[in-house]
């Protein structure tokens, strides 16, 4: 039962992520994600399941300071790259403008305004 639920939520995040890739703004990769967090431009951070623990904790720390949401993607970095429509691995990404997608929660949008 729970396996079916995780598959459905993964499909949901994948479809929302695809919409962000088409209509929004984002940056891929660890260094670029840290740059957007330091600049305060990030709205949401997505981290793959197999991102190294040191990098993961550093991103989470910067996100906590910037009051930015962090989503732990249930797949590995290959699956995250595929969900982004890329042919390479993506360990983390930062969404700077969601575009037409509703991937950002409404409470997060109210906080930004």
Foldseek 3Di string as FASTA:
>chain_A
DVVVVLVVVLVVVLVLLQQCLVFFDKDFDLVVLLVCLVVLQFAEKEFEPPDDPVSVVVSVVSCVVSVHYYHYRDHHQCVVCVSNVHRDGTGMMTTRTSGPGCPGDPVSVVVVD
